[in-house]
Amino acid sequence: MRQNHVYDMYNTCEAEGKLTMTCSRSIVKSGSSIGINYLTGEFIAWAGYTLAPEASGTSIGAAIGATYAWGADGGTASNKFGDSAEYFVFDVVGNFMDVAIETAKEVVVGLAMLLLGSLAQLITYPILRFVLRKREDYLVDKLDTYAPKRIQGYARKTYGK
């Protein structure tokens, strides 16, 4: 089934009045079908004219036949190419981009939490040291008292009191 790709793009986008997902899909599908039709026509013409001197002009007839064959049956191939291009751009790449964006969000949130946690520790450590300054000797003694035998005394060595 042949499609009028330009007419399809115009009707889809004009009816919606703005660039929506349906309009975008229509542009990619029809644009890629138009592109493959153009490239195939250019290739047929190039082959016909390039081979003309060696083939004594019979390649012109072959080019005309190929152009007719593409015109008669090429619509199905170009439509399938357009469908594949639409699927690749919007479904394959679109899904990959969704996963990449979600992963990036998670990484950013994780880094923000790490940064906030580190900042909170930098702020609370001096405050705790100040609040517990009069109880420091008592706490160091408790650490050494309840520590396993092999590491008893390390708190006193570390804090030097």
N, C-alpha and C. Protein backbone atom coordinates (compact mmCIF):
# COMPACT_ATOMS: atom_id res chain seq x y z
N MET A 1 0.84 -1.17 0.00
CA MET A 1 0.00 0.00 0.00
C MET A 1 0.89 1.24 0.00
N ARG A 2 0.72 2.08 -0.98
CA ARG A 2 1.49 3.33 -1.07
C ARG A 2 0.89 4.37 -0.15
N GLN A 3 1.76 5.18 0.42
CA GLN A 3 1.30 6.28 1.27
C GLN A 3 1.81 7.58 0.71
N ASN A 4 1.04 8.63 0.90
CA ASN A 4 1.51 9.96 0.57
C ASN A 4 2.09 10.53 1.86
N HIS A 5 3.40 10.43 2.00
CA HIS A 5 4.06 10.73 3.27
C HIS A 5 3.95 12.19 3.67
N VAL A 6 4.10 13.09 2.72
CA VAL A 6 4.02 14.51 3.04
C VAL A 6 2.60 14.85 3.49
N TYR A 7 1.61 14.32 2.80
CA TYR A 7 0.21 14.55 3.16
C TYR A 7 -0.08 13.99 4.56
N ASP A 8 0.47 12.81 4.85
CA ASP A 8 0.28 12.18 6.16
C ASP A 8 0.89 13.05 7.27
N MET A 9 2.11 13.54 7.05
CA MET A 9 2.75 14.39 8.06
C MET A 9 1.94 15.67 8.27
N TYR A 10 1.50 16.28 7.17
CA TYR A 10 0.75 17.53 7.27
C TYR A 10 -0.56 17.33 8.04
N ASN A 11 -1.31 16.29 7.67
CA ASN A 11 -2.60 16.05 8.33
C ASN A 11 -2.43 15.72 9.81
N THR A 12 -1.45 14.92 10.15
CA THR A 12 -1.24 14.54 11.55
C THR A 12 -0.86 15.74 12.39
N CYS A 13 0.09 16.52 11.92
CA CYS A 13 0.58 17.65 12.71
C CYS A 13 -0.38 18.83 12.68
N GLU A 14 -1.09 19.04 11.57
CA GLU A 14 -2.03 20.16 11.47
C GLU A 14 -3.25 19.92 12.36
N ALA A 15 -3.72 18.69 12.44
CA ALA A 15 -4.89 18.39 13.25
C ALA A 15 -4.62 18.64 14.73
N GLU A 16 -3.41 18.40 15.17
CA GLU A 16 -3.08 18.58 16.58
C GLU A 16 -2.64 20.01 16.88
N GLY A 17 -2.17 20.72 15.89
CA GLY A 17 -1.82 22.12 16.07
C GLY A 17 -0.49 22.37 16.78
N LYS A 18 0.18 21.33 17.22
CA LYS A 18 1.47 21.50 17.89
C LYS A 18 2.27 20.21 17.73
N LEU A 19 3.52 20.28 18.11
CA LEU A 19 4.40 19.12 17.96
C LEU A 19 4.16 18.16 19.12
N THR A 20 3.40 17.13 18.87
CA THR A 20 3.09 16.13 19.89
C THR A 20 3.82 14.85 19.53
N MET A 21 3.64 13.82 20.36
CA MET A 21 4.29 12.54 20.11
C MET A 21 3.78 11.92 18.80
N THR A 22 2.49 12.02 18.54
CA THR A 22 1.94 11.46 17.29
C THR A 22 2.52 12.18 16.08
N CYS A 23 2.60 13.50 16.17
CA CYS A 23 3.17 14.29 15.08
C CYS A 23 4.64 13.93 14.88
N SER A 24 5.38 13.83 15.97
CA SER A 24 6.81 13.49 15.89
C SER A 24 7.01 12.11 15.28
N ARG A 25 6.21 11.15 15.70
CA ARG A 25 6.32 9.81 15.13
C ARG A 25 6.02 9.83 13.63
N SER A 26 5.02 10.61 13.23
CA SER A 26 4.66 10.71 11.81
C SER A 26 5.80 11.32 11.02
N ILE A 27 6.45 12.33 11.57
CA ILE A 27 7.57 12.97 10.87
C ILE A 27 8.73 12.00 10.69
N VAL A 28 9.07 11.25 11.74
CA VAL A 28 10.18 10.30 11.64
C VAL A 28 9.84 9.18 10.66
N LYS A 29 8.64 8.61 10.78
CA LYS A 29 8.25 7.51 9.91
C LYS A 29 8.20 7.95 8.44
N SER A 30 7.48 9.02 8.18
CA SER A 30 7.34 9.47 6.79
C SER A 30 8.63 10.06 6.24
N GLY A 31 9.35 10.78 7.08
CA GLY A 31 10.62 11.36 6.63
C GLY A 31 11.64 10.29 6.26
N SER A 32 11.71 9.23 7.05
CA SER A 32 12.66 8.16 6.71
C SER A 32 12.20 7.39 5.48
N SER A 33 10.89 7.24 5.29
CA SER A 33 10.39 6.59 4.06
C SER A 33 10.71 7.43 2.83
N ILE A 34 10.52 8.75 2.95
CA ILE A 34 10.87 9.65 1.85
C ILE A 34 12.37 9.56 1.56
N GLY A 35 13.17 9.53 2.62
CA GLY A 35 14.63 9.45 2.46
C GLY A 35 15.07 8.18 1.76
N ILE A 36 14.48 7.04 2.14
CA ILE A 36 14.88 5.77 1.50
C ILE A 36 14.42 5.74 0.05
N ASN A 37 13.25 6.33 -0.26
CA ASN A 37 12.81 6.41 -1.65
C ASN A 37 13.77 7.27 -2.48
N TYR A 38 14.17 8.40 -1.92
CA TYR A 38 15.10 9.29 -2.63
C TYR A 38 16.44 8.60 -2.86
N LEU A 39 16.99 7.99 -1.82
CA LEU A 39 18.30 7.34 -1.95
C LEU A 39 18.26 6.17 -2.94
N THR A 40 17.18 5.42 -2.91
CA THR A 40 17.06 4.30 -3.85
C THR A 40 16.99 4.82 -5.29
N GLY A 41 16.21 5.88 -5.50
CA GLY A 41 16.13 6.48 -6.85
C GLY A 41 17.47 7.00 -7.31
N GLU A 42 18.20 7.66 -6.41
CA GLU A 42 19.53 8.17 -6.76
C GLU A 42 20.49 7.02 -7.09
N PHE A 43 20.43 5.93 -6.33
CA PHE A 43 21.30 4.80 -6.59
C PHE A 43 20.98 4.16 -7.93
N ILE A 44 19.71 4.01 -8.25
CA ILE A 44 19.32 3.42 -9.54
C ILE A 44 19.82 4.30 -10.69
N ALA A 45 19.63 5.61 -10.56
CA ALA A 45 20.09 6.52 -11.62
C ALA A 45 21.61 6.49 -11.73
N TRP A 46 22.32 6.49 -10.60
CA TRP A 46 23.79 6.46 -10.63
C TRP A 46 24.28 5.18 -11.29
N ALA A 47 23.68 4.04 -10.92
CA ALA A 47 24.10 2.77 -11.51
C ALA A 47 23.84 2.76 -13.02
N GLY A 48 22.68 3.26 -13.42
CA GLY A 48 22.36 3.27 -14.86
C GLY A 48 23.31 4.13 -15.66
N TYR A 49 23.61 5.33 -15.18
CA TYR A 49 24.50 6.24 -15.92
C TYR A 49 25.96 5.83 -15.82
N THR A 50 26.35 5.25 -14.71
CA THR A 50 27.76 4.84 -14.55
C THR A 50 28.08 3.64 -15.44
N LEU A 51 27.16 2.72 -15.52
CA LEU A 51 27.41 1.51 -16.30
C LEU A 51 27.07 1.66 -17.79
N ALA A 52 26.50 2.77 -18.18
CA ALA A 52 26.07 2.96 -19.57
C ALA A 52 27.21 2.79 -20.57
N PRO A 53 28.40 3.41 -20.36
CA PRO A 53 29.45 3.24 -21.38
C PRO A 53 29.92 1.79 -21.52
N GLU A 54 30.03 1.06 -20.41
CA GLU A 54 30.51 -0.33 -20.49
C GLU A 54 29.45 -1.27 -21.03
N ALA A 55 28.19 -0.94 -20.83
CA ALA A 55 27.11 -1.85 -21.23
C ALA A 55 26.47 -1.43 -22.55
N SER A 56 27.09 -0.51 -23.25
CA SER A 56 26.60 -0.02 -24.53
C SER A 56 25.18 0.53 -24.42
N GLY A 57 24.88 1.15 -23.30
CA GLY A 57 23.59 1.81 -23.14
C GLY A 57 22.48 0.93 -22.61
N THR A 58 22.73 -0.39 -22.52
CA THR A 58 21.66 -1.27 -22.03
C THR A 58 21.37 -1.05 -20.55
N SER A 59 22.34 -0.48 -19.84
CA SER A 59 22.11 -0.24 -18.41
C SER A 59 21.05 0.84 -18.20
N ILE A 60 20.85 1.71 -19.21
CA ILE A 60 19.79 2.72 -19.12
C ILE A 60 18.44 2.01 -19.08
N GLY A 61 18.30 0.99 -19.91
CA GLY A 61 17.06 0.19 -19.90
C GLY A 61 16.88 -0.52 -18.56
N ALA A 62 17.98 -1.05 -18.03
CA ALA A 62 17.91 -1.72 -16.72
C ALA A 62 17.53 -0.71 -15.64
N ALA A 63 18.07 0.51 -15.72
CA ALA A 63 17.73 1.55 -14.75
C ALA A 63 16.25 1.92 -14.85
N ILE A 64 15.76 2.01 -16.06
CA ILE A 64 14.33 2.32 -16.24
C ILE A 64 13.47 1.20 -15.65
N GLY A 65 13.88 -0.04 -15.90
CA GLY A 65 13.15 -1.19 -15.34
C GLY A 65 13.22 -1.19 -13.81
N ALA A 66 14.38 -0.90 -13.26
CA ALA A 66 14.53 -0.87 -11.81
C ALA A 66 13.70 0.26 -11.20
N THR A 67 13.66 1.40 -11.89
CA THR A 67 12.85 2.52 -11.40
C THR A 67 11.38 2.15 -11.41
N TYR A 68 10.94 1.47 -12.48
CA TYR A 68 9.55 1.03 -12.55
C TYR A 68 9.25 0.02 -11.43
N ALA A 69 10.17 -0.94 -11.23
CA ALA A 69 9.96 -1.96 -10.19
C ALA A 69 9.90 -1.32 -8.81
N TRP A 70 10.79 -0.38 -8.56
CA TRP A 70 10.78 0.30 -7.25
C TRP A 70 9.48 1.12 -7.10
N GLY A 71 9.06 1.76 -8.17
CA GLY A 71 7.82 2.53 -8.10
C GLY A 71 6.61 1.65 -7.85
N ALA A 72 6.62 0.44 -8.40
CA ALA A 72 5.47 -0.47 -8.23
C ALA A 72 5.48 -1.16 -6.88
N ASP A 73 6.64 -1.61 -6.44
CA ASP A 73 6.71 -2.42 -5.22
C ASP A 73 7.55 -1.81 -4.10
N GLY A 74 8.17 -0.70 -4.34
CA GLY A 74 9.06 -0.11 -3.33
C GLY A 74 8.35 0.52 -2.15
N GLY A 75 7.05 0.79 -2.32
CA GLY A 75 6.29 1.41 -1.24
C GLY A 75 6.26 0.54 0.01
N THR A 76 6.10 -0.76 -0.18
CA THR A 76 6.07 -1.67 0.96
C THR A 76 7.40 -1.65 1.70
N ALA A 77 8.49 -1.70 0.95
CA ALA A 77 9.82 -1.69 1.57
C ALA A 77 10.08 -0.36 2.28
N SER A 78 9.74 0.75 1.65
CA SER A 78 10.00 2.04 2.28
C SER A 78 9.09 2.25 3.49
N ASN A 79 7.86 1.74 3.45
CA ASN A 79 6.98 1.82 4.62
C ASN A 79 7.51 0.99 5.78
N LYS A 80 8.03 -0.20 5.47
CA LYS A 80 8.62 -1.03 6.53
C LYS A 80 9.86 -0.35 7.11
N PHE A 81 10.65 0.28 6.25
CA PHE A 81 11.81 1.02 6.73
C PHE A 81 11.36 2.17 7.65
N GLY A 82 10.31 2.87 7.25
CA GLY A 82 9.77 3.97 8.06
C GLY A 82 9.27 3.47 9.41
N ASP A 83 8.55 2.34 9.39
CA ASP A 83 8.08 1.75 10.65
C ASP A 83 9.25 1.37 11.56
N SER A 84 10.30 0.79 10.95
CA SER A 84 11.48 0.40 11.73
C SER A 84 12.19 1.62 12.31
N ALA A 85 12.30 2.68 11.52
CA ALA A 85 12.95 3.90 12.00
C ALA A 85 12.14 4.51 13.15
N GLU A 86 10.83 4.54 13.01
CA GLU A 86 9.96 5.06 14.08
C GLU A 86 10.12 4.22 15.35
N TYR A 87 10.10 2.90 15.22
CA TYR A 87 10.27 2.02 16.37
C TYR A 87 11.62 2.24 17.04
N PHE A 88 12.67 2.32 16.23
CA PHE A 88 14.01 2.49 16.80
C PHE A 88 14.13 3.82 17.54
N VAL A 89 13.70 4.91 16.91
CA VAL A 89 13.87 6.24 17.51
C VAL A 89 13.02 6.39 18.78
N PHE A 90 11.76 5.98 18.73
CA PHE A 90 10.86 6.28 19.84
C PHE A 90 10.77 5.17 20.88
N ASP A 91 10.93 3.92 20.47
CA ASP A 91 10.76 2.83 21.42
C ASP A 91 12.10 2.35 21.97
N VAL A 92 13.04 2.03 21.09
CA VAL A 92 14.33 1.51 21.56
C VAL A 92 15.14 2.62 22.23
N VAL A 93 15.41 3.69 21.49
CA VAL A 93 16.21 4.79 22.03
C VAL A 93 15.45 5.51 23.15
N GLY A 94 14.14 5.66 22.98
CA GLY A 94 13.35 6.33 24.02
C GLY A 94 13.38 5.58 25.33
N ASN A 95 13.23 4.24 25.30
CA ASN A 95 13.31 3.44 26.52
C ASN A 95 14.69 3.50 27.13
N PHE A 96 15.72 3.46 26.29
CA PHE A 96 17.09 3.56 26.80
C PHE A 96 17.31 4.89 27.49
N MET A 97 16.79 5.96 26.88
CA MET A 97 16.94 7.29 27.49
C MET A 97 16.19 7.38 28.81
N ASP A 98 15.00 6.76 28.90
CA ASP A 98 14.26 6.76 30.16
C ASP A 98 15.06 6.08 31.26
N VAL A 99 15.65 4.93 30.95
CA VAL A 99 16.46 4.21 31.93
C VAL A 99 17.69 5.04 32.32
N ALA A 100 18.34 5.66 31.32
CA ALA A 100 19.53 6.47 31.61
C ALA A 100 19.17 7.68 32.48
N ILE A 101 18.03 8.30 32.22
CA ILE A 101 17.62 9.46 33.01
C ILE A 101 17.30 9.04 34.44
N GLU A 102 16.60 7.92 34.61
CA GLU A 102 16.28 7.44 35.96
C GLU A 102 17.55 7.07 36.73
N THR A 103 18.50 6.44 36.05
CA THR A 103 19.76 6.07 36.68
C THR A 103 20.53 7.33 37.09
N ALA A 104 20.56 8.32 36.22
CA ALA A 104 21.25 9.57 36.54
C ALA A 104 20.60 10.25 37.74
N LYS A 105 19.25 10.21 37.80
CA LYS A 105 18.56 10.80 38.96
C LYS A 105 18.98 10.09 40.25
N GLU A 106 19.03 8.77 40.21
CA GLU A 106 19.42 8.01 41.40
C GLU A 106 20.85 8.32 41.82
N VAL A 107 21.74 8.45 40.86
CA VAL A 107 23.14 8.78 41.17
C VAL A 107 23.23 10.17 41.78
N VAL A 108 22.51 11.11 41.22
CA VAL A 108 22.53 12.49 41.75
C VAL A 108 21.97 12.52 43.17
N VAL A 109 20.86 11.81 43.39
CA VAL A 109 20.28 11.76 44.74
C VAL A 109 21.27 11.10 45.71
N GLY A 110 21.89 10.03 45.29
CA GLY A 110 22.87 9.35 46.15
C GLY A 110 24.05 10.25 46.50
N LEU A 111 24.56 10.97 45.50
CA LEU A 111 25.68 11.88 45.76
C LEU A 111 25.25 13.03 46.67
N ALA A 112 24.04 13.52 46.48
CA ALA A 112 23.54 14.60 47.34
C ALA A 112 23.42 14.11 48.78
N MET A 113 22.92 12.90 48.97
CA MET A 113 22.79 12.35 50.32
C MET A 113 24.16 12.13 50.95
N LEU A 114 25.11 11.67 50.18
CA LEU A 114 26.47 11.49 50.69
C LEU A 114 27.08 12.82 51.09
N LEU A 115 26.90 13.82 50.27
CA LEU A 115 27.41 15.16 50.57
C LEU A 115 26.74 15.74 51.81
N LEU A 116 25.42 15.62 51.90
CA LEU A 116 24.71 16.13 53.07
C LEU A 116 25.11 15.38 54.34
N GLY A 117 25.27 14.07 54.24
CA GLY A 117 25.71 13.29 55.40
C GLY A 117 27.10 13.68 55.87
N SER A 118 28.00 13.88 54.93
CA SER A 118 29.36 14.30 55.28
C SER A 118 29.35 15.69 55.91
N LEU A 119 28.56 16.58 55.34
CA LEU A 119 28.44 17.93 55.89
C LEU A 119 27.85 17.90 57.29
N ALA A 120 26.85 17.05 57.50
CA ALA A 120 26.24 16.94 58.83
C ALA A 120 27.25 16.43 59.85
N GLN A 121 28.09 15.49 59.46
CA GLN A 121 29.11 15.00 60.39
C GLN A 121 30.14 16.08 60.70
N LEU A 122 30.51 16.85 59.69
CA LEU A 122 31.46 17.93 59.93
C LEU A 122 30.90 18.99 60.88
N ILE A 123 29.60 19.18 60.82
CA ILE A 123 28.97 20.18 61.69
C ILE A 123 28.76 19.61 63.11
N THR A 124 28.30 18.37 63.21
CA THR A 124 27.95 17.83 64.52
C THR A 124 29.16 17.41 65.35
N TYR A 125 30.26 17.01 64.74
CA TYR A 125 31.43 16.57 65.52
C TYR A 125 31.96 17.67 66.45
N PRO A 126 32.22 18.88 65.95
CA PRO A 126 32.70 19.91 66.88
C PRO A 126 31.67 20.27 67.96
N ILE A 127 30.39 20.20 67.61
CA ILE A 127 29.35 20.50 68.60
C ILE A 127 29.36 19.44 69.70
N LEU A 128 29.45 18.17 69.31
CA LEU A 128 29.52 17.10 70.31
C LEU A 128 30.77 17.23 71.18
N ARG A 129 31.88 17.52 70.56
CA ARG A 129 33.12 17.71 71.34
C ARG A 129 32.95 18.83 72.36
N PHE A 130 32.29 19.93 71.96
CA PHE A 130 32.09 21.04 72.86
C PHE A 130 31.12 20.67 73.99
N VAL A 131 30.02 20.02 73.64
CA VAL A 131 29.01 19.66 74.64
C VAL A 131 29.57 18.63 75.63
N LEU A 132 30.36 17.71 75.15
CA LEU A 132 30.87 16.64 76.01
C LEU A 132 32.27 16.93 76.56
N ARG A 133 32.78 18.15 76.44
CA ARG A 133 34.15 18.47 76.82
C ARG A 133 34.43 18.17 78.29
N LYS A 134 33.46 18.35 79.17
CA LYS A 134 33.69 18.11 80.60
C LYS A 134 33.56 16.64 80.95
N ARG A 135 32.95 15.87 80.09
CA ARG A 135 32.77 14.44 80.35
C ARG A 135 33.74 13.59 79.53
N GLU A 136 34.67 14.22 78.83
CA GLU A 136 35.56 13.49 77.93
C GLU A 136 36.41 12.46 78.67
N ASP A 137 36.98 12.82 79.81
CA ASP A 137 37.80 11.86 80.55
C ASP A 137 36.98 10.66 80.99
N TYR A 138 35.76 10.95 81.45
CA TYR A 138 34.88 9.87 81.89
C TYR A 138 34.55 8.94 80.72
N LEU A 139 34.23 9.50 79.56
CA LEU A 139 33.88 8.69 78.39
C LEU A 139 35.06 7.88 77.88
N VAL A 140 36.26 8.47 77.90
CA VAL A 140 37.46 7.73 77.47
C VAL A 140 37.71 6.57 78.42
N ASP A 141 37.54 6.80 79.73
CA ASP A 141 37.70 5.70 80.69
C ASP A 141 36.68 4.60 80.44
N LYS A 142 35.45 4.97 80.15
CA LYS A 142 34.41 3.98 79.87
C LYS A 142 34.76 3.17 78.62
N LEU A 143 35.26 3.87 77.57
CA LEU A 143 35.65 3.15 76.35
C LEU A 143 36.72 2.12 76.65
N ASP A 144 37.70 2.50 77.44
CA ASP A 144 38.78 1.56 77.77
C ASP A 144 38.29 0.45 78.69
N THR A 145 37.37 0.75 79.57
CA THR A 145 36.87 -0.25 80.51
C THR A 145 36.07 -1.33 79.80
N TYR A 146 35.20 -0.93 78.89
CA TYR A 146 34.32 -1.90 78.23
C TYR A 146 34.91 -2.48 76.93
N ALA A 147 36.06 -2.02 76.55
CA ALA A 147 36.71 -2.54 75.34
C ALA A 147 37.25 -3.94 75.61
N PRO A 148 37.36 -4.75 74.54
CA PRO A 148 37.99 -6.07 74.73
C PRO A 148 39.41 -5.91 75.26
N LYS A 149 39.89 -6.93 75.97
CA LYS A 149 41.20 -6.86 76.64
C LYS A 149 42.33 -6.48 75.68
N ARG A 150 42.30 -7.00 74.47
CA ARG A 150 43.42 -6.76 73.55
C ARG A 150 43.48 -5.31 73.06
N ILE A 151 42.39 -4.54 73.14
CA ILE A 151 42.46 -3.14 72.70
C ILE A 151 42.23 -2.14 73.84
N GLN A 152 42.23 -2.61 75.06
CA GLN A 152 42.08 -1.69 76.18
C GLN A 152 43.29 -0.76 76.23
N GLY A 153 43.04 0.48 76.48
CA GLY A 153 44.11 1.47 76.55
C GLY A 153 44.26 2.29 75.27
N TYR A 154 43.68 1.83 74.16
CA TYR A 154 43.80 2.57 72.91
C TYR A 154 43.05 3.90 72.96
N ALA A 155 41.94 3.95 73.63
CA ALA A 155 41.19 5.21 73.73
C ALA A 155 42.03 6.25 74.46
N ARG A 156 42.70 5.83 75.56
CA ARG A 156 43.54 6.76 76.31
C ARG A 156 44.72 7.22 75.45
N LYS A 157 45.32 6.28 74.68
CA LYS A 157 46.46 6.64 73.80
C LYS A 157 46.00 7.58 72.69
N THR A 158 44.84 7.32 72.13
CA THR A 158 44.33 8.10 71.01
C THR A 158 44.01 9.53 71.43
N TYR A 159 43.31 9.65 72.54
CA TYR A 159 42.86 10.99 72.97
C TYR A 159 43.86 11.66 73.91
N GLY A 160 44.88 10.92 74.36
CA GLY A 160 45.98 11.51 75.12
C GLY A 160 45.62 12.07 76.48
N LYS A 161 44.64 11.56 77.14
CA LYS A 161 44.27 12.09 78.47
C LYS A 161 44.33 11.01 79.50
